[in-house]
Protein backbone atom coordinates (compact mmCIF):
# COMPACT_ATOMS: atom_id res chain seq x y z
CA MET A 1 90.67 80.95 83.77
CA LEU A 2 88.23 79.17 86.09
CA ARG A 3 89.36 76.07 87.94
CA VAL A 4 87.07 73.94 90.10
CA LEU A 5 88.91 71.61 92.46
CA ARG A 6 87.22 68.93 94.48
CA SER A 7 88.63 67.10 97.49
CA GLY A 8 88.71 63.35 97.56
CA ASP A 9 90.92 60.32 97.88
CA GLY A 10 94.45 61.13 96.78
CA GLY A 11 94.15 64.92 97.04
CA LEU A 12 92.56 67.74 95.10
CA HIS A 13 91.23 66.97 91.62
CA GLU A 14 90.27 69.50 88.99
CA VAL A 15 86.92 69.19 87.25
CA ASP A 16 87.85 69.11 83.57
CA GLU A 17 84.51 69.40 81.81
CA ARG A 18 81.69 71.84 82.51
CA ASP A 19 78.58 72.33 80.44
CA PRO A 20 76.75 75.72 80.32
CA ALA A 21 74.41 74.64 83.10
CA TRP A 22 77.09 73.18 85.33
CA ALA A 23 76.66 73.02 89.10
CA LEU A 24 79.23 72.68 91.83
CA PRO A 25 79.93 69.10 92.90
CA SER A 26 79.08 68.44 96.51
CA ASP A 27 82.74 67.84 97.37
CA THR A 28 84.01 71.08 95.81
CA ALA A 29 86.73 72.56 97.99
CA TRP A 30 88.27 75.36 95.95
CA ILE A 31 87.19 77.53 93.03
CA ASP A 32 90.22 79.34 91.63
CA LEU A 33 89.64 82.27 89.28
CA ILE A 34 92.86 83.35 87.60
CA ASP A 35 92.53 86.55 85.54
CA PRO A 36 88.88 85.58 84.90
CA THR A 37 86.68 86.77 82.08
CA ARG A 38 83.27 88.27 82.83
CA GLU A 39 81.59 85.01 81.76
CA GLU A 40 83.71 83.05 84.22
CA GLU A 41 82.92 85.51 87.02
CA VAL A 42 79.17 85.18 86.34
CA ALA A 43 79.42 81.38 86.31
CA ALA A 44 81.24 81.38 89.66
CA GLU A 45 78.76 83.83 91.16
CA LYS A 46 75.82 81.62 90.12
CA ALA A 47 77.50 78.53 91.50
CA LEU A 48 78.35 80.17 94.85
CA GLY A 49 75.27 82.37 95.14
CA VAL A 50 77.29 85.50 96.00
CA GLN A 51 78.45 88.65 94.22
CA LEU A 52 82.22 88.54 93.67
CA PRO A 53 84.28 91.75 93.86
CA THR A 54 85.66 93.29 90.69
CA ARG A 55 89.34 93.93 90.05
CA GLU A 56 88.90 97.60 90.91
CA GLU A 57 87.16 96.75 94.18
CA MET A 58 89.95 94.35 95.09
CA ALA A 59 92.50 97.17 94.78
CA GLU A 60 90.68 99.43 97.28
CA ILE A 61 92.87 100.43 100.21
CA GLU A 62 90.06 100.85 102.74
CA VAL A 63 89.90 97.95 105.18
CA SER A 64 86.10 97.93 104.99
CA SER A 65 86.34 97.35 101.23
CA ARG A 66 88.74 94.46 101.61
CA LEU A 67 87.32 92.65 104.65
CA TYR A 68 83.55 92.29 104.86
CA GLN A 69 80.69 89.83 105.21
CA GLU A 70 77.84 89.64 102.71
CA ASP A 71 75.12 87.09 101.91
CA GLY A 72 76.53 84.74 104.53
CA ALA A 73 79.98 84.71 102.90
CA HIS A 74 83.24 86.21 104.15
CA PHE A 75 85.23 88.28 101.65
CA MET A 76 88.90 88.83 102.46
CA THR A 77 91.50 90.56 100.29
CA ALA A 78 95.21 90.63 101.02
CA PHE A 79 98.15 92.09 99.12
CA VAL A 80 100.60 89.39 98.05
CA LEU A 81 104.24 89.97 97.13
CA VAL A 82 105.04 88.65 93.65
CA GLY A 83 108.19 88.80 91.53
CA ALA A 84 110.51 88.89 94.54
CA ASP A 85 113.16 86.93 92.62
CA GLY A 86 113.05 89.28 89.64
CA GLU A 87 113.92 92.89 89.03
CA ASP A 88 110.44 94.28 89.61
CA PRO A 89 108.81 92.99 92.83
CA ALA A 90 105.24 94.16 93.31
CA LEU A 91 102.18 93.82 95.54
CA ALA A 92 99.03 92.38 93.99
CA PRO A 93 95.58 91.92 95.58
CA VAL A 94 94.23 88.38 96.05
CA THR A 95 90.67 87.85 97.29
CA PHE A 96 89.56 84.85 99.37
CA VAL A 97 85.85 84.10 99.67
CA LEU A 98 84.54 81.58 102.19
CA ALA A 99 80.96 80.57 101.35
CA ASP A 100 79.17 77.47 102.67
CA GLY A 101 82.43 75.76 103.53
CA ARG A 102 83.87 76.34 100.07
CA LEU A 103 86.77 78.58 99.11
CA ALA A 104 86.90 80.85 96.08
CA THR A 105 90.02 82.82 95.17
CA ILE A 106 90.21 85.68 92.71
CA ARG A 107 93.62 86.72 91.47
CA TYR A 108 95.30 88.33 88.51
CA VAL A 109 98.78 87.08 89.34
CA ASP A 110 100.25 83.64 89.92
CA PRO A 111 102.12 83.69 93.26
CA ARG A 112 104.57 80.88 93.84
CA ALA A 113 102.78 80.00 97.10
CA PHE A 114 99.60 79.12 95.18
CA VAL A 115 101.51 76.89 92.78
CA ALA A 116 103.33 75.11 95.61
CA TYR A 117 100.17 74.57 97.64
CA ALA A 118 98.14 73.27 94.68
CA ALA A 119 100.90 70.80 93.80
CA GLN A 120 101.13 69.55 97.39
CA ALA A 121 97.35 69.27 97.76
CA ALA A 122 97.13 67.27 94.52
CA ARG A 123 99.62 64.72 95.87
CA ASP A 124 98.47 64.41 99.47
CA GLY A 125 94.83 63.65 100.24
CA ASP A 126 95.19 64.74 103.87
CA PHE A 127 96.69 68.08 102.88
CA CYS A 128 93.33 69.55 101.83
CA THR A 129 90.03 68.18 103.12
CA GLY A 130 87.73 71.05 102.19
CA GLY A 131 87.35 74.75 101.55
CA VAL A 132 88.45 75.88 105.01
CA SER A 133 91.44 73.57 104.87
CA ALA A 134 92.39 75.00 101.47
CA PHE A 135 92.02 78.55 102.83
CA LEU A 136 94.26 77.92 105.84
CA GLY A 137 96.73 75.99 103.72
CA LEU A 138 97.04 78.84 101.24
CA LEU A 139 97.57 81.35 104.04
CA ASP A 140 100.24 79.10 105.49
CA ALA A 141 101.93 78.84 102.09
CA LEU A 142 101.85 82.63 101.65
CA VAL A 143 103.41 83.18 105.07
CA ASP A 144 106.09 80.55 104.37
CA ARG A 145 106.89 82.25 101.07
CA LEU A 146 107.27 85.62 102.80
CA ALA A 147 109.54 83.98 105.36
CA ASP A 148 111.75 82.67 102.54
CA ILE A 149 111.82 86.11 100.91
CA LEU A 150 112.83 87.82 104.15
CA GLU A 151 115.45 85.17 104.82
CA THR A 152 116.99 85.78 101.39
CA ALA A 153 116.83 89.53 102.00
CA SER A 154 118.61 89.04 105.34
CA GLU A 155 121.41 87.12 103.64
CA ASP A 156 121.77 89.85 101.01
CA VAL A 157 121.88 92.52 103.71
CA ASP A 158 124.58 90.64 105.65
CA LYS A 159 126.64 90.24 102.48
CA THR A 160 126.22 93.89 101.57
CA SER A 161 127.17 94.95 105.10
CA GLY A 162 130.43 93.04 104.78
CA GLU A 163 131.18 94.73 101.48
CA ILE A 164 130.43 98.21 102.83
CA PHE A 165 132.84 97.90 105.74
CA SER A 166 135.46 95.86 103.87
CA ARG A 167 138.85 97.46 103.32
CA ASP A 168 138.98 96.02 99.79
CA ARG A 169 135.77 97.59 98.48
CA ARG A 170 137.82 100.13 96.43
CA GLY A 171 135.04 102.68 96.36
CA ALA A 172 132.57 100.49 94.43
CA PHE A 173 129.51 102.01 96.06
CA LYS A 174 127.18 102.21 93.07
CA PRO A 175 126.34 98.45 92.93
CA ILE A 176 126.15 98.40 96.74
CA LEU A 177 123.60 101.22 96.77
CA ARG A 178 121.57 99.43 94.08
CA ARG A 179 121.46 96.26 96.17
CA LEU A 180 120.50 98.22 99.27
CA GLY A 181 117.67 99.89 97.37
CA ARG A 182 116.37 96.57 96.07
CA SER A 183 116.54 94.97 99.52
CA GLN A 184 114.70 97.96 100.97
CA ALA A 185 111.96 97.70 98.33
CA ILE A 186 111.46 93.96 98.90
CA THR A 187 111.46 94.34 102.70
CA ALA A 188 108.96 97.20 102.59
CA LYS A 189 106.63 95.28 100.27
CA ALA A 190 106.96 92.12 102.36
CA ARG A 191 106.02 94.06 105.48
CA SER A 192 102.99 95.59 103.72
CA SER A 193 101.92 92.11 102.69
CA LEU A 194 102.33 90.84 106.25
CA VAL A 195 100.22 93.70 107.61
CA SER A 196 97.39 92.92 105.17
CA LEU A 197 97.63 89.21 105.99
CA ALA A 198 97.48 89.97 109.72
CA ARG A 199 94.24 91.90 109.25
CA LEU A 200 92.86 89.12 107.07
CA VAL A 201 93.66 86.44 109.65
CA SER A 202 92.02 88.47 112.43
CA PHE A 203 88.89 88.89 110.32
CA ALA A 204 88.87 85.21 109.29
CA ALA A 205 88.63 84.21 112.95
CA LEU A 206 85.05 85.55 112.89
CA ALA A 207 83.93 83.07 110.23
CA ASP A 208 81.70 80.31 111.62
CA GLU A 209 83.51 77.66 109.55
CA ILE A 210 86.72 78.48 111.41
CA ALA A 211 85.49 79.52 114.85
CA SER A 212 83.46 76.33 115.27
CA LEU A 213 86.49 73.99 115.19
CA LYS A 214 89.35 74.07 117.66
CA ASP A 215 91.92 72.87 115.12
CA ASN A 216 91.07 75.75 112.79
CA ARG A 217 91.33 78.26 115.63
CA GLU A 218 94.71 76.85 116.61
CA ARG A 219 95.97 77.08 113.03
CA LEU A 220 94.86 80.71 112.84
CA ARG A 221 96.59 81.53 116.12
CA SER A 222 99.76 79.85 114.84
CA LEU A 223 99.54 81.93 111.67
CA GLN A 224 99.10 85.09 113.71
CA ARG A 225 102.22 84.29 115.73
CA ASP A 226 104.23 83.59 112.57
CA ILE A 227 103.02 86.80 110.92
CA GLN A 228 103.88 88.86 114.01
CA SER A 229 107.34 87.28 114.17
CA LEU A 230 108.00 88.02 110.50
CA THR A 231 106.69 91.57 110.90
CA ASP A 232 109.15 92.15 113.75
CA HIS A 233 111.94 90.69 111.64
CA SER A 234 111.06 92.95 108.70
CA ALA A 235 111.17 95.95 111.04
CA TYR A 236 114.66 94.90 112.16
CA LEU A 237 115.72 94.54 108.53
CA THR A 238 114.37 98.00 107.74
CA GLU A 239 116.37 99.53 110.58
CA ASN A 240 119.49 97.66 109.49
CA LEU A 241 119.06 98.81 105.90
CA THR A 242 118.65 102.41 107.05
CA PHE A 243 121.88 102.11 109.07
CA LEU A 244 123.74 100.60 106.11
CA LEU A 245 122.47 103.28 103.75
CA ASP A 246 123.58 106.02 106.18
CA SER A 247 126.94 104.28 106.61
CA ALA A 248 127.45 103.96 102.85
CA THR A 249 126.62 107.64 102.39
CA ALA A 250 129.02 108.61 105.19
CA LEU A 251 131.81 106.49 103.69
CA ILE A 252 131.23 108.04 100.27
CA ASN A 253 131.59 111.48 101.84
CA THR A 254 134.70 110.34 103.71
CA ASP A 255 136.31 109.02 100.53
CA GLN A 256 135.51 112.24 98.72
CA ASN A 257 136.97 114.26 101.58
CA GLU A 258 140.13 112.14 101.48
CA ILE A 259 140.49 112.81 97.75
CA MET A 260 139.92 116.52 98.21
CA LYS A 261 142.41 116.57 101.07
CA VAL A 262 145.11 115.03 98.87
CA PHE A 263 144.46 117.61 96.15
CA SER A 264 144.51 120.44 98.69
CA VAL A 265 147.75 119.28 100.30
CA TRP A 266 149.58 118.94 97.00
CA ALA A 267 148.22 122.29 95.83
CA VAL A 268 149.75 123.95 98.92
CA VAL A 269 152.99 121.95 98.62
CA LEU A 270 153.48 123.02 95.00
CA MET A 271 152.67 126.69 95.59
CA PRO A 272 156.18 127.78 96.80
CA PRO A 273 158.04 125.94 93.98
CA THR A 274 155.60 127.43 91.48
CA LEU A 275 156.25 130.89 92.90
CA ILE A 276 160.04 130.44 92.68
CA ALA A 277 159.81 129.09 89.14
CA SER A 278 157.54 131.97 88.16
CA VAL A 279 159.96 134.58 89.56
CA PHE A 280 163.03 133.17 87.82
CA GLY A 281 161.10 132.54 84.66
CA MET A 282 160.18 136.20 84.10
CA ASN A 283 161.29 137.68 80.79
CA PHE A 284 163.26 140.61 82.21
CA ALA A 285 166.75 141.59 81.15
CA HIS A 286 168.12 141.78 84.69
CA ILE A 287 167.06 139.07 87.16
CA PRO A 288 169.30 138.56 90.21
CA GLY A 289 171.24 135.34 89.86
CA SER A 290 170.05 134.64 86.34
CA GLN A 291 173.58 135.02 84.95
CA SER A 292 175.24 132.96 87.68
CA PRO A 293 176.39 129.42 86.80
CA LEU A 294 174.81 128.22 90.06
CA GLY A 295 171.47 129.97 89.49
CA PHE A 296 169.63 126.93 88.14
CA GLY A 297 170.87 124.66 90.95
CA VAL A 298 170.03 127.17 93.65
CA ALA A 299 166.52 127.68 92.28
CA LEU A 300 165.98 123.93 92.01
CA LEU A 301 167.20 123.33 95.55
CA ALA A 302 164.96 126.14 96.81
CA MET A 303 161.91 124.56 95.16
CA ILE A 304 162.71 121.12 96.55
CA GLY A 305 163.41 122.58 99.98
CA THR A 306 160.10 124.39 100.17
CA MET A 307 158.28 121.20 99.17
CA VAL A 308 160.06 119.17 101.87
CA VAL A 309 159.31 121.78 104.53
CA ALA A 310 155.62 121.90 103.54
CA LEU A 311 155.31 118.09 103.59
CA TRP A 312 157.07 117.93 106.99
CA TRP A 313 154.71 120.53 108.39
CA PHE A 314 151.58 118.69 107.17
CA ARG A 315 152.81 115.39 108.59
CA ARG A 316 153.65 117.01 111.93
CA LYS A 317 150.10 118.41 112.13
CA GLY A 318 148.67 114.95 111.32
CA TRP A 319 147.10 116.08 108.06
CA LEU A 320 148.88 113.36 106.08
């Protein structure tokens, strides 16, 4: 899908109709290509006068393939975290192109930050005044979304920490480990996204459209500070998750050792009574005491006595 949005009174407005020979309106601020077809890519390239990267080129991991200048335009690709509220969070590349004061975005996902920014820009005319404003606004929305994701992850980690060290957890470690794994995956992906955004913001500062205005430079510096702060917070979360995972593993081992200790103690306690019962239960004709009326009572008292002595000994040693 190809969307052309123009800035004007009342906010961003989408151009609804385009003939085959369409040209960009002079007040075009943002060209948004969402999972575009080849025909839509060619139309956008003709309108902007630049060669747009393909989906394969957007996925390149080399920095030089994601941040470069060509034909007077700045091409910047960042990895955006999508699906953080679902079961399968993932990183997806999104390309920003600044050309002649206009912004073009190429994406094959629909991040919530893009939806929120487009809705706000459509309502507020001062929210987006051009391509550079749209670019900075989208970056701000992406950073805000990552902040919300990390805040939710922090709350989940705090809740999980309480459950791990709670006395009433009753050994329910399997759901706890699943939540820890999901929090770790989201935090790691959020940090990767923040790293790519930090590189993008540093490269964007070289663009003439941004460097020429003080307000734009200030917004970029503010974004850099926010990204650095969130990166530090994600590092703290990663360390905390590692500690909780190690603690959960240690508690699992402790619980297993406690269970094995109980089995071992009772095995030792029951050994003497088992031996006595085995001796007097032999099928021999002559067993001392087997014909006595008190034989059963004496054997039973001997078994109980050996159990009591063994339990007393374990408690004295502090093993129970």
